[in-house]
C-alpha cells in the first residue's frame, strides 16, 4: 500500500508540464500500443521460441562482453525458463515475451526495449527476477559490431570496388580501392 503524505499518494509520481521524450510517442501511447500488441498476439509461443534467439544472442555477446555480465544474463535466462516451464508466467507475459523476441530478432531494439518496459511496469512481480537480464541482453546485442562478411563476400566486394585511376602523365592505370 502506498504511503500517503499530506493527503497525497507517494506513488505514482506524475511530472506535469514536461514535454514528452523526443522521438518517442507519449508514454500513455507507448503503453497502449504495447498492450494492444500483447492482446493481439495470436497465441502463446513456446519457451524455446523465446529462449533460442536470446541464447544465440548471448553466445554472440560472449565474444566481446565481459564474462561476468554474460554469466549473469545466462542465469537470468535460466530463471525465465524455469518460471515458464513451471507455469509461473501469465499469458500476457508469455505473449509479451514472444513479441519482444520477434522485435529482438528483427533488430528493432527500441520496440523490444518498450515491450520490456511495459512488462516491467505491468507485471513486475512475475518478471523482476529475470527481466533485467533481458534488458542487458538487448543493450549488449545492440552494441555488438556488425557481423564480418564471409571471405567470399569480402573478396567479391573488394573486386567490385577496384577501379582504375589514370593520371595525365601516366600510361598505365593505378588501382584505387574505393570503400563502400
N, C-alpha and C. Protein backbone atom coordinates (compact mmCIF):
# COMPACT_ATOMS: atom_id res chain seq x y z
N UNK A 1 0.85 -1.18 0.00
CA UNK A 1 0.00 0.00 0.00
C UNK A 1 0.89 1.23 0.00
N UNK A 2 0.64 2.18 -0.92
CA UNK A 2 1.48 3.38 -0.97
C UNK A 2 1.34 4.22 0.29
N UNK A 3 2.39 4.88 0.65
CA UNK A 3 2.39 5.78 1.79
C UNK A 3 1.80 7.12 1.37
N UNK A 4 0.96 7.68 2.25
CA UNK A 4 0.36 8.97 1.94
C UNK A 4 1.02 10.04 2.78
N UNK A 5 1.32 11.15 2.17
CA UNK A 5 1.98 12.25 2.86
C UNK A 5 1.17 13.50 2.57
N UNK A 6 0.64 14.11 3.60
CA UNK A 6 -0.17 15.32 3.46
C UNK A 6 -1.31 15.10 2.47
N UNK A 7 -1.90 13.91 2.51
CA UNK A 7 -3.05 13.64 1.66
C UNK A 7 -2.72 13.28 0.22
N UNK A 8 -1.42 13.21 -0.11
CA UNK A 8 -1.03 12.87 -1.47
C UNK A 8 -0.37 11.50 -1.49
N UNK A 9 -0.67 10.69 -2.49
CA UNK A 9 -0.01 9.39 -2.57
C UNK A 9 1.47 9.55 -2.92
N UNK A 10 2.30 8.68 -2.35
CA UNK A 10 3.73 8.73 -2.62
C UNK A 10 4.02 8.30 -4.05
N UNK A 11 3.24 7.36 -4.56
CA UNK A 11 3.43 6.86 -5.92
C UNK A 11 2.07 6.70 -6.55
N UNK A 12 1.87 6.80 -7.76
CA UNK A 12 2.88 7.15 -8.74
C UNK A 12 3.06 8.65 -8.82
N UNK A 13 4.28 9.06 -9.03
CA UNK A 13 4.57 10.47 -9.24
C UNK A 13 4.29 10.80 -10.69
N UNK A 14 3.70 11.93 -10.94
CA UNK A 14 3.42 12.34 -12.30
C UNK A 14 4.04 13.71 -12.53
N UNK A 15 4.90 13.78 -13.50
CA UNK A 15 5.55 15.04 -13.82
C UNK A 15 4.64 15.82 -14.76
N UNK A 16 4.24 16.99 -14.33
CA UNK A 16 3.32 17.79 -15.11
C UNK A 16 4.10 18.90 -15.81
N UNK A 17 3.76 19.15 -17.06
CA UNK A 17 4.34 20.27 -17.78
C UNK A 17 5.63 19.95 -18.50
N UNK A 18 6.14 18.72 -18.38
CA UNK A 18 7.36 18.37 -19.10
C UNK A 18 7.00 17.82 -20.46
N UNK A 19 7.76 18.19 -21.47
CA UNK A 19 7.46 17.67 -22.81
C UNK A 19 7.79 16.19 -22.89
N UNK A 20 7.16 15.47 -23.82
CA UNK A 20 7.48 14.05 -23.99
C UNK A 20 8.91 13.87 -24.49
N UNK A 21 9.44 12.70 -24.31
CA UNK A 21 10.78 12.38 -24.78
C UNK A 21 10.83 12.51 -26.29
N UNK A 22 11.81 13.27 -26.83
CA UNK A 22 11.89 13.44 -28.28
C UNK A 22 12.05 12.10 -28.99
N UNK A 23 11.35 11.94 -30.09
CA UNK A 23 11.48 10.75 -30.91
C UNK A 23 10.64 9.58 -30.45
N UNK A 24 10.00 9.71 -29.29
CA UNK A 24 9.15 8.63 -28.80
C UNK A 24 7.73 9.16 -28.59
N UNK A 25 6.73 8.32 -28.82
CA UNK A 25 5.37 8.77 -28.54
C UNK A 25 5.19 8.98 -27.04
N UNK A 26 4.13 9.67 -26.68
CA UNK A 26 3.85 9.91 -25.27
C UNK A 26 3.77 8.58 -24.53
N UNK A 27 4.17 8.53 -23.24
CA UNK A 27 4.18 7.27 -22.51
C UNK A 27 2.84 6.54 -22.55
N UNK A 28 1.75 7.26 -22.45
CA UNK A 28 0.45 6.59 -22.47
C UNK A 28 0.20 5.92 -23.82
N UNK A 29 0.67 6.55 -24.90
CA UNK A 29 0.51 5.94 -26.22
C UNK A 29 1.40 4.71 -26.36
N UNK A 30 2.63 4.79 -25.82
CA UNK A 30 3.53 3.64 -25.89
C UNK A 30 2.93 2.47 -25.13
N UNK A 31 2.43 2.71 -23.92
CA UNK A 31 1.86 1.63 -23.12
C UNK A 31 0.64 1.04 -23.81
N UNK A 32 -0.22 1.90 -24.37
CA UNK A 32 -1.40 1.40 -25.06
C UNK A 32 -1.01 0.57 -26.27
N UNK A 33 -0.01 1.02 -27.01
CA UNK A 33 0.42 0.28 -28.20
C UNK A 33 1.01 -1.07 -27.80
N UNK A 34 1.77 -1.09 -26.73
CA UNK A 34 2.36 -2.35 -26.28
C UNK A 34 1.28 -3.30 -25.79
N UNK A 35 0.31 -2.78 -25.04
CA UNK A 35 -0.79 -3.63 -24.56
C UNK A 35 -1.58 -4.17 -25.74
N UNK A 36 -1.78 -3.34 -26.76
CA UNK A 36 -2.50 -3.78 -27.94
C UNK A 36 -1.74 -4.90 -28.63
N UNK A 37 -0.42 -4.74 -28.76
CA UNK A 37 0.39 -5.80 -29.37
C UNK A 37 0.27 -7.09 -28.59
N UNK A 38 0.34 -7.00 -27.28
CA UNK A 38 0.28 -8.20 -26.45
C UNK A 38 -1.10 -8.82 -26.54
N UNK A 39 -2.16 -8.01 -26.52
CA UNK A 39 -3.51 -8.58 -26.55
C UNK A 39 -3.84 -9.16 -27.92
N UNK A 40 -3.20 -8.66 -28.98
CA UNK A 40 -3.49 -9.15 -30.31
C UNK A 40 -2.60 -10.32 -30.72
N UNK A 41 -1.66 -10.71 -29.87
CA UNK A 41 -0.82 -11.85 -30.21
C UNK A 41 -1.72 -13.07 -30.39
N UNK A 42 -1.50 -13.79 -31.48
CA UNK A 42 -2.41 -14.86 -31.85
C UNK A 42 -2.49 -15.95 -30.79
N UNK A 43 -1.38 -16.43 -30.32
CA UNK A 43 -1.37 -17.50 -29.34
C UNK A 43 -0.04 -17.48 -28.62
N UNK A 44 -0.03 -18.21 -27.51
CA UNK A 44 1.23 -18.32 -26.77
C UNK A 44 2.29 -18.97 -27.63
N UNK A 45 3.48 -18.47 -27.52
CA UNK A 45 4.59 -19.14 -28.18
C UNK A 45 5.25 -20.04 -27.14
N UNK A 46 6.06 -20.95 -27.58
CA UNK A 46 6.72 -21.86 -26.66
C UNK A 46 7.95 -21.23 -26.05
N UNK A 47 8.39 -21.83 -24.96
CA UNK A 47 9.55 -21.32 -24.26
C UNK A 47 10.78 -21.36 -25.17
N UNK A 48 10.91 -22.37 -26.00
CA UNK A 48 12.06 -22.47 -26.90
C UNK A 48 12.03 -21.39 -27.97
N UNK A 49 10.83 -20.99 -28.41
CA UNK A 49 10.71 -19.91 -29.40
C UNK A 49 11.27 -18.61 -28.85
N UNK A 50 11.14 -18.44 -27.55
CA UNK A 50 11.65 -17.23 -26.90
C UNK A 50 13.12 -17.39 -26.55
N UNK A 51 13.47 -18.50 -25.94
CA UNK A 51 14.84 -18.65 -25.41
C UNK A 51 15.89 -18.91 -26.48
N UNK A 52 15.55 -19.58 -27.55
CA UNK A 52 16.57 -19.88 -28.58
C UNK A 52 17.23 -18.63 -29.12
N UNK A 53 16.46 -17.64 -29.61
CA UNK A 53 17.13 -16.43 -30.12
C UNK A 53 17.88 -15.66 -29.04
N UNK A 54 17.35 -15.68 -27.82
CA UNK A 54 18.03 -14.96 -26.74
C UNK A 54 19.35 -15.65 -26.38
N UNK A 55 19.35 -16.97 -26.33
CA UNK A 55 20.59 -17.70 -26.04
C UNK A 55 21.60 -17.56 -27.18
N UNK A 56 21.13 -17.53 -28.42
CA UNK A 56 22.03 -17.30 -29.56
C UNK A 56 22.69 -15.93 -29.44
N UNK A 57 21.89 -14.93 -29.09
CA UNK A 57 22.44 -13.59 -28.92
C UNK A 57 23.44 -13.56 -27.77
N UNK A 58 23.14 -14.28 -26.70
CA UNK A 58 24.08 -14.35 -25.58
C UNK A 58 25.39 -14.98 -26.02
N UNK A 59 25.32 -16.03 -26.83
CA UNK A 59 26.55 -16.64 -27.36
C UNK A 59 27.35 -15.64 -28.19
N UNK A 60 26.67 -14.83 -28.98
CA UNK A 60 27.35 -13.81 -29.78
C UNK A 60 28.02 -12.77 -28.86
N UNK A 61 27.33 -12.44 -27.77
CA UNK A 61 27.88 -11.44 -26.84
C UNK A 61 29.12 -11.95 -26.12
N UNK A 62 29.22 -13.24 -25.92
CA UNK A 62 30.35 -13.81 -25.18
C UNK A 62 31.69 -13.49 -25.83
N UNK A 63 31.67 -13.17 -27.13
CA UNK A 63 32.91 -12.86 -27.85
C UNK A 63 33.48 -11.50 -27.44
N UNK A 64 32.61 -10.57 -27.02
CA UNK A 64 33.07 -9.22 -26.77
C UNK A 64 32.68 -8.65 -25.40
N UNK A 65 31.72 -9.27 -24.74
CA UNK A 65 31.21 -8.74 -23.47
C UNK A 65 31.87 -9.49 -22.31
N UNK A 66 32.09 -8.79 -21.20
CA UNK A 66 32.74 -9.41 -20.03
C UNK A 66 32.04 -10.69 -19.60
N UNK A 67 32.81 -11.67 -19.19
CA UNK A 67 32.29 -12.98 -18.78
C UNK A 67 31.26 -12.85 -17.66
N UNK A 68 31.53 -12.01 -16.68
CA UNK A 68 30.62 -11.84 -15.54
C UNK A 68 29.25 -11.35 -16.00
N UNK A 69 29.23 -10.43 -16.95
CA UNK A 69 27.97 -9.89 -17.46
C UNK A 69 27.20 -11.00 -18.20
N UNK A 70 27.91 -11.73 -19.03
CA UNK A 70 27.27 -12.82 -19.79
C UNK A 70 26.76 -13.91 -18.88
N UNK A 71 27.53 -14.24 -17.84
CA UNK A 71 27.10 -15.27 -16.89
C UNK A 71 25.84 -14.83 -16.16
N UNK A 72 25.77 -13.55 -15.79
CA UNK A 72 24.57 -13.05 -15.11
C UNK A 72 23.35 -13.12 -16.03
N UNK A 73 23.52 -12.71 -17.29
CA UNK A 73 22.43 -12.80 -18.25
C UNK A 73 21.99 -14.25 -18.40
N UNK A 74 22.97 -15.16 -18.51
CA UNK A 74 22.66 -16.58 -18.64
C UNK A 74 21.85 -17.12 -17.47
N UNK A 75 22.23 -16.72 -16.25
CA UNK A 75 21.49 -17.16 -15.06
C UNK A 75 20.04 -16.65 -15.10
N UNK A 76 19.88 -15.44 -15.55
CA UNK A 76 18.52 -14.88 -15.61
C UNK A 76 17.68 -15.55 -16.70
N UNK A 77 18.31 -15.94 -17.78
CA UNK A 77 17.58 -16.69 -18.81
C UNK A 77 17.15 -18.06 -18.29
N UNK A 78 17.98 -18.67 -17.44
CA UNK A 78 17.61 -19.95 -16.82
C UNK A 78 16.40 -19.74 -15.90
N UNK A 79 16.39 -18.66 -15.14
CA UNK A 79 15.25 -18.36 -14.26
C UNK A 79 13.98 -18.17 -15.11
N UNK A 80 14.09 -17.44 -16.22
CA UNK A 80 12.95 -17.27 -17.12
C UNK A 80 12.45 -18.63 -17.58
N UNK A 81 13.36 -19.49 -18.01
CA UNK A 81 12.97 -20.81 -18.49
C UNK A 81 12.27 -21.62 -17.39
N UNK A 82 12.83 -21.61 -16.21
CA UNK A 82 12.23 -22.37 -15.11
C UNK A 82 10.84 -21.86 -14.77
N UNK A 83 10.69 -20.55 -14.67
CA UNK A 83 9.37 -19.99 -14.34
C UNK A 83 8.36 -20.32 -15.44
N UNK A 84 8.78 -20.24 -16.68
CA UNK A 84 7.90 -20.54 -17.81
C UNK A 84 7.45 -22.00 -17.73
N UNK A 85 8.42 -22.91 -17.56
CA UNK A 85 8.12 -24.35 -17.54
C UNK A 85 7.30 -24.76 -16.31
N UNK A 86 7.43 -24.01 -15.22
CA UNK A 86 6.66 -24.31 -14.01
C UNK A 86 5.29 -23.65 -14.02
N UNK A 87 4.97 -22.96 -15.11
CA UNK A 87 3.65 -22.32 -15.23
C UNK A 87 3.48 -21.08 -14.37
N UNK A 88 4.59 -20.43 -14.03
CA UNK A 88 4.54 -19.26 -13.16
C UNK A 88 4.38 -17.94 -13.92
N UNK A 89 4.31 -18.01 -15.25
CA UNK A 89 4.16 -16.79 -16.04
C UNK A 89 2.76 -16.75 -16.64
N UNK A 90 2.14 -15.58 -16.53
CA UNK A 90 0.80 -15.41 -17.07
C UNK A 90 0.83 -15.35 -18.60
N UNK A 91 -0.33 -15.54 -19.20
CA UNK A 91 -0.43 -15.49 -20.66
C UNK A 91 0.05 -14.15 -21.22
N UNK A 92 -0.31 -13.00 -20.62
CA UNK A 92 0.20 -11.73 -21.17
C UNK A 92 1.72 -11.63 -21.14
N UNK A 93 2.36 -12.18 -20.12
CA UNK A 93 3.82 -12.14 -20.04
C UNK A 93 4.42 -13.05 -21.11
N UNK A 94 3.86 -14.24 -21.26
CA UNK A 94 4.37 -15.15 -22.29
C UNK A 94 4.19 -14.54 -23.68
N UNK A 95 3.03 -13.96 -23.93
CA UNK A 95 2.78 -13.33 -25.24
C UNK A 95 3.71 -12.13 -25.44
N UNK A 96 3.87 -11.36 -24.38
CA UNK A 96 4.76 -10.20 -24.47
C UNK A 96 6.18 -10.60 -24.77
N UNK A 97 6.64 -11.67 -24.15
CA UNK A 97 8.00 -12.16 -24.41
C UNK A 97 8.12 -12.69 -25.83
N UNK A 98 7.05 -13.29 -26.34
CA UNK A 98 7.07 -13.74 -27.74
C UNK A 98 7.23 -12.57 -28.69
N UNK A 99 6.51 -11.50 -28.43
CA UNK A 99 6.59 -10.31 -29.28
C UNK A 99 7.94 -9.63 -29.11
N UNK A 100 8.41 -9.53 -27.85
CA UNK A 100 9.72 -8.93 -27.59
C UNK A 100 10.79 -9.69 -28.36
N UNK A 101 10.71 -11.01 -28.36
CA UNK A 101 11.70 -11.82 -29.07
C UNK A 101 11.64 -11.58 -30.57
N UNK A 102 10.45 -11.43 -31.13
CA UNK A 102 10.32 -11.13 -32.56
C UNK A 102 10.98 -9.80 -32.89
N UNK A 103 10.73 -8.80 -32.07
CA UNK A 103 11.35 -7.48 -32.27
C UNK A 103 12.87 -7.59 -32.13
N UNK A 104 13.30 -8.36 -31.16
CA UNK A 104 14.73 -8.57 -30.91
C UNK A 104 15.39 -9.22 -32.13
N UNK A 105 14.77 -10.28 -32.64
CA UNK A 105 15.34 -10.97 -33.81
C UNK A 105 15.38 -10.06 -35.03
N UNK A 106 14.43 -9.14 -35.13
CA UNK A 106 14.38 -8.21 -36.26
C UNK A 106 15.26 -6.98 -36.03
N UNK A 107 15.99 -6.97 -34.93
CA UNK A 107 16.88 -5.88 -34.55
C UNK A 107 16.14 -4.55 -34.41
N UNK A 108 14.89 -4.61 -33.99
CA UNK A 108 14.13 -3.40 -33.67
C UNK A 108 14.28 -3.19 -32.16
N UNK A 109 15.45 -2.64 -31.82
CA UNK A 109 15.86 -2.54 -30.43
C UNK A 109 14.94 -1.67 -29.60
N UNK A 110 14.50 -0.54 -30.16
CA UNK A 110 13.64 0.36 -29.40
C UNK A 110 12.30 -0.30 -29.09
N UNK A 111 11.74 -1.02 -30.06
CA UNK A 111 10.47 -1.70 -29.83
C UNK A 111 10.64 -2.79 -28.77
N UNK A 112 11.72 -3.56 -28.85
CA UNK A 112 11.98 -4.60 -27.85
C UNK A 112 12.13 -3.98 -26.46
N UNK A 113 12.81 -2.85 -26.40
CA UNK A 113 13.01 -2.16 -25.13
C UNK A 113 11.68 -1.64 -24.57
N UNK A 114 10.81 -1.14 -25.44
CA UNK A 114 9.49 -0.66 -25.00
C UNK A 114 8.66 -1.81 -24.43
N UNK A 115 8.69 -2.95 -25.08
CA UNK A 115 7.94 -4.10 -24.58
C UNK A 115 8.52 -4.54 -23.24
N UNK A 116 9.84 -4.53 -23.13
CA UNK A 116 10.49 -4.86 -21.85
C UNK A 116 9.99 -3.93 -20.76
N UNK A 117 9.95 -2.63 -21.04
CA UNK A 117 9.49 -1.66 -20.04
C UNK A 117 8.04 -1.90 -19.66
N UNK A 118 7.21 -2.14 -20.65
CA UNK A 118 5.80 -2.37 -20.39
C UNK A 118 5.60 -3.60 -19.50
N UNK A 119 6.33 -4.67 -19.78
CA UNK A 119 6.22 -5.87 -18.95
C UNK A 119 6.72 -5.60 -17.53
N UNK A 120 7.76 -4.80 -17.41
CA UNK A 120 8.28 -4.46 -16.07
C UNK A 120 7.25 -3.67 -15.28
N UNK A 121 6.55 -2.77 -15.94
CA UNK A 121 5.57 -1.94 -15.25
C UNK A 121 4.31 -2.74 -14.91
N UNK A 122 3.82 -3.48 -15.87
CA UNK A 122 2.53 -4.14 -15.71
C UNK A 122 2.60 -5.48 -14.98
N UNK A 123 3.76 -6.13 -14.97
CA UNK A 123 3.88 -7.47 -14.40
C UNK A 123 5.15 -7.62 -13.57
N UNK A 124 5.44 -6.63 -12.77
CA UNK A 124 6.73 -6.57 -12.07
C UNK A 124 6.97 -7.79 -11.20
N UNK A 125 5.97 -8.31 -10.52
CA UNK A 125 6.21 -9.45 -9.63
C UNK A 125 6.58 -10.71 -10.41
N UNK A 126 6.08 -10.85 -11.62
CA UNK A 126 6.38 -12.03 -12.43
C UNK A 126 7.76 -11.94 -13.10
N UNK A 127 8.17 -10.75 -13.49
CA UNK A 127 9.34 -10.62 -14.36
C UNK A 127 10.58 -10.05 -13.69
N UNK A 128 10.45 -9.58 -12.45
CA UNK A 128 11.56 -8.84 -11.84
C UNK A 128 12.83 -9.66 -11.69
N UNK A 129 12.74 -10.97 -11.50
CA UNK A 129 13.94 -11.78 -11.29
C UNK A 129 14.77 -11.96 -12.54
N UNK A 130 14.16 -11.90 -13.71
CA UNK A 130 14.89 -12.20 -14.95
C UNK A 130 14.87 -11.10 -15.99
N UNK A 131 13.95 -10.15 -15.90
CA UNK A 131 13.82 -9.15 -16.96
C UNK A 131 15.03 -8.24 -17.06
N UNK A 132 15.74 -8.01 -15.97
CA UNK A 132 16.94 -7.17 -16.04
C UNK A 132 17.98 -7.82 -16.95
N UNK A 133 17.99 -9.16 -17.00
CA UNK A 133 18.88 -9.86 -17.92
C UNK A 133 18.48 -9.63 -19.38
N UNK A 134 17.18 -9.60 -19.63
CA UNK A 134 16.69 -9.32 -20.99
C UNK A 134 17.07 -7.90 -21.39
N UNK A 135 16.90 -6.97 -20.47
CA UNK A 135 17.27 -5.57 -20.75
C UNK A 135 18.75 -5.47 -21.09
N UNK A 136 19.59 -6.12 -20.32
CA UNK A 136 21.03 -6.06 -20.55
C UNK A 136 21.39 -6.75 -21.87
N UNK A 137 20.70 -7.86 -22.17
CA UNK A 137 20.96 -8.57 -23.42
C UNK A 137 20.59 -7.70 -24.62
N UNK A 138 19.47 -6.98 -24.52
CA UNK A 138 19.09 -6.06 -25.60
C UNK A 138 20.18 -5.01 -25.78
N UNK A 139 20.63 -4.42 -24.69
CA UNK A 139 21.65 -3.36 -24.76
C UNK A 139 22.97 -3.89 -25.32
N UNK A 140 23.40 -5.05 -24.85
CA UNK A 140 24.68 -5.59 -25.31
C UNK A 140 24.61 -6.04 -26.77
N UNK A 141 23.50 -6.63 -27.16
CA UNK A 141 23.35 -7.08 -28.55
C UNK A 141 23.28 -5.89 -29.49
N UNK A 142 22.62 -4.85 -29.05
CA UNK A 142 22.53 -3.63 -29.84
C UNK A 142 23.91 -3.04 -30.09
N UNK A 143 24.81 -3.21 -29.14
CA UNK A 143 26.16 -2.63 -29.24
C UNK A 143 27.18 -3.53 -29.92
N UNK A 144 26.78 -4.74 -30.28
CA UNK A 144 27.72 -5.64 -30.94
C UNK A 144 28.14 -5.07 -32.29
N UNK A 145 29.39 -5.29 -32.68
CA UNK A 145 29.78 -4.88 -34.03
C UNK A 145 29.01 -5.72 -35.05
N UNK A 146 28.76 -5.15 -36.22
CA UNK A 146 28.06 -5.91 -37.25
C UNK A 146 28.90 -7.10 -37.63
N UNK A 147 28.24 -8.15 -38.01
CA UNK A 147 28.96 -9.38 -38.34
C UNK A 147 29.89 -9.15 -39.52
N UNK A 148 31.05 -9.76 -39.43
CA UNK A 148 32.00 -9.66 -40.53
C UNK A 148 31.47 -10.38 -41.74
N UNK A 149 31.82 -9.87 -42.90
CA UNK A 149 31.43 -10.54 -44.13
C UNK A 149 32.21 -11.85 -44.25
N UNK A 150 31.61 -12.82 -44.90
CA UNK A 150 32.36 -14.05 -45.15
C UNK A 150 33.47 -13.73 -46.13
N UNK A 151 34.45 -14.58 -46.21
CA UNK A 151 35.60 -14.35 -47.10
C UNK A 151 35.14 -14.17 -48.53
N UNK A 152 34.21 -15.00 -48.99
CA UNK A 152 33.73 -14.91 -50.37
C UNK A 152 33.04 -13.56 -50.63
N UNK A 153 32.18 -13.14 -49.69
CA UNK A 153 31.52 -11.84 -49.84
C UNK A 153 32.54 -10.71 -49.84
N UNK A 154 33.54 -10.82 -48.96
CA UNK A 154 34.56 -9.78 -48.87
C UNK A 154 35.33 -9.68 -50.18
N UNK A 155 35.75 -10.83 -50.73
CA UNK A 155 36.51 -10.81 -51.99
C UNK A 155 35.66 -10.23 -53.11
N UNK A 156 34.39 -10.57 -53.15
CA UNK A 156 33.52 -10.03 -54.19
C UNK A 156 33.37 -8.51 -54.03
N UNK A 157 33.23 -8.07 -52.80
CA UNK A 157 33.09 -6.64 -52.55
C UNK A 157 34.35 -5.88 -52.95
N UNK A 158 35.51 -6.43 -52.60
CA UNK A 158 36.77 -5.78 -52.96
C UNK A 158 36.92 -5.76 -54.47
N UNK A 159 36.60 -6.87 -55.13
CA UNK A 159 36.73 -6.96 -56.58
C UNK A 159 35.87 -5.91 -57.28
N UNK A 160 34.65 -5.71 -56.79
CA UNK A 160 33.76 -4.74 -57.45
C UNK A 160 34.11 -3.30 -57.09
N UNK A 161 34.92 -3.12 -56.03
CA UNK A 161 35.26 -1.76 -55.66
C UNK A 161 36.61 -1.31 -56.22
N UNK A 162 37.28 -2.16 -56.97
CA UNK A 162 38.54 -1.79 -57.59
C UNK A 162 38.26 -1.04 -58.89
N UNK A 163 38.78 0.16 -58.98
CA UNK A 163 38.54 0.98 -60.17
C UNK A 163 39.87 1.55 -60.65
N UNK A 164 40.11 1.47 -61.94
CA UNK A 164 41.37 2.06 -62.44
C UNK A 164 41.32 3.58 -62.36
N UNK A 165 42.44 4.16 -62.01
CA UNK A 165 42.55 5.61 -61.92
C UNK A 165 43.73 6.03 -62.79
N UNK A 166 43.50 6.99 -63.67
CA UNK A 166 44.56 7.49 -64.56
C UNK A 166 44.97 8.88 -64.11
N UNK A 167 46.26 9.13 -64.19
CA UNK A 167 46.73 10.50 -64.05
C UNK A 167 47.22 10.92 -65.42
N UNK A 168 47.19 12.18 -65.70
CA UNK A 168 47.50 12.67 -67.04
C UNK A 168 48.88 12.24 -67.53
N UNK A 169 49.86 12.13 -66.64
CA UNK A 169 51.21 11.80 -67.08
C UNK A 169 51.50 10.30 -67.02
N UNK A 170 50.50 9.46 -66.70
CA UNK A 170 50.72 8.03 -66.60
C UNK A 170 50.14 7.30 -67.81
N UNK A 171 50.85 6.31 -68.29
CA UNK A 171 50.35 5.49 -69.38
C UNK A 171 49.54 4.32 -68.83
N UNK A 172 49.95 3.80 -67.68
CA UNK A 172 49.27 2.65 -67.06
C UNK A 172 48.35 3.15 -65.93
N UNK A 173 47.19 2.56 -65.82
CA UNK A 173 46.30 2.96 -64.73
C UNK A 173 46.77 2.36 -63.41
N UNK A 174 46.46 3.06 -62.32
CA UNK A 174 46.68 2.53 -60.97
C UNK A 174 45.33 2.06 -60.44
N UNK A 175 45.35 1.12 -59.56
CA UNK A 175 44.11 0.63 -58.96
C UNK A 175 43.88 1.34 -57.66
N UNK A 176 42.68 1.87 -57.50
CA UNK A 176 42.30 2.57 -56.29
C UNK A 176 41.16 1.79 -55.65
N UNK A 177 41.28 1.46 -54.40
CA UNK A 177 40.22 0.77 -53.68
C UNK A 177 39.29 1.83 -53.12
N UNK A 178 38.04 1.75 -53.52
CA UNK A 178 37.05 2.72 -53.07
C UNK A 178 36.20 2.05 -51.99
N UNK A 179 36.22 2.59 -50.76
CA UNK A 179 35.42 1.97 -49.69
C UNK A 179 33.94 2.15 -50.00
N UNK A 180 33.18 1.12 -49.68
CA UNK A 180 31.72 1.18 -49.89
C UNK A 180 31.01 1.65 -48.68
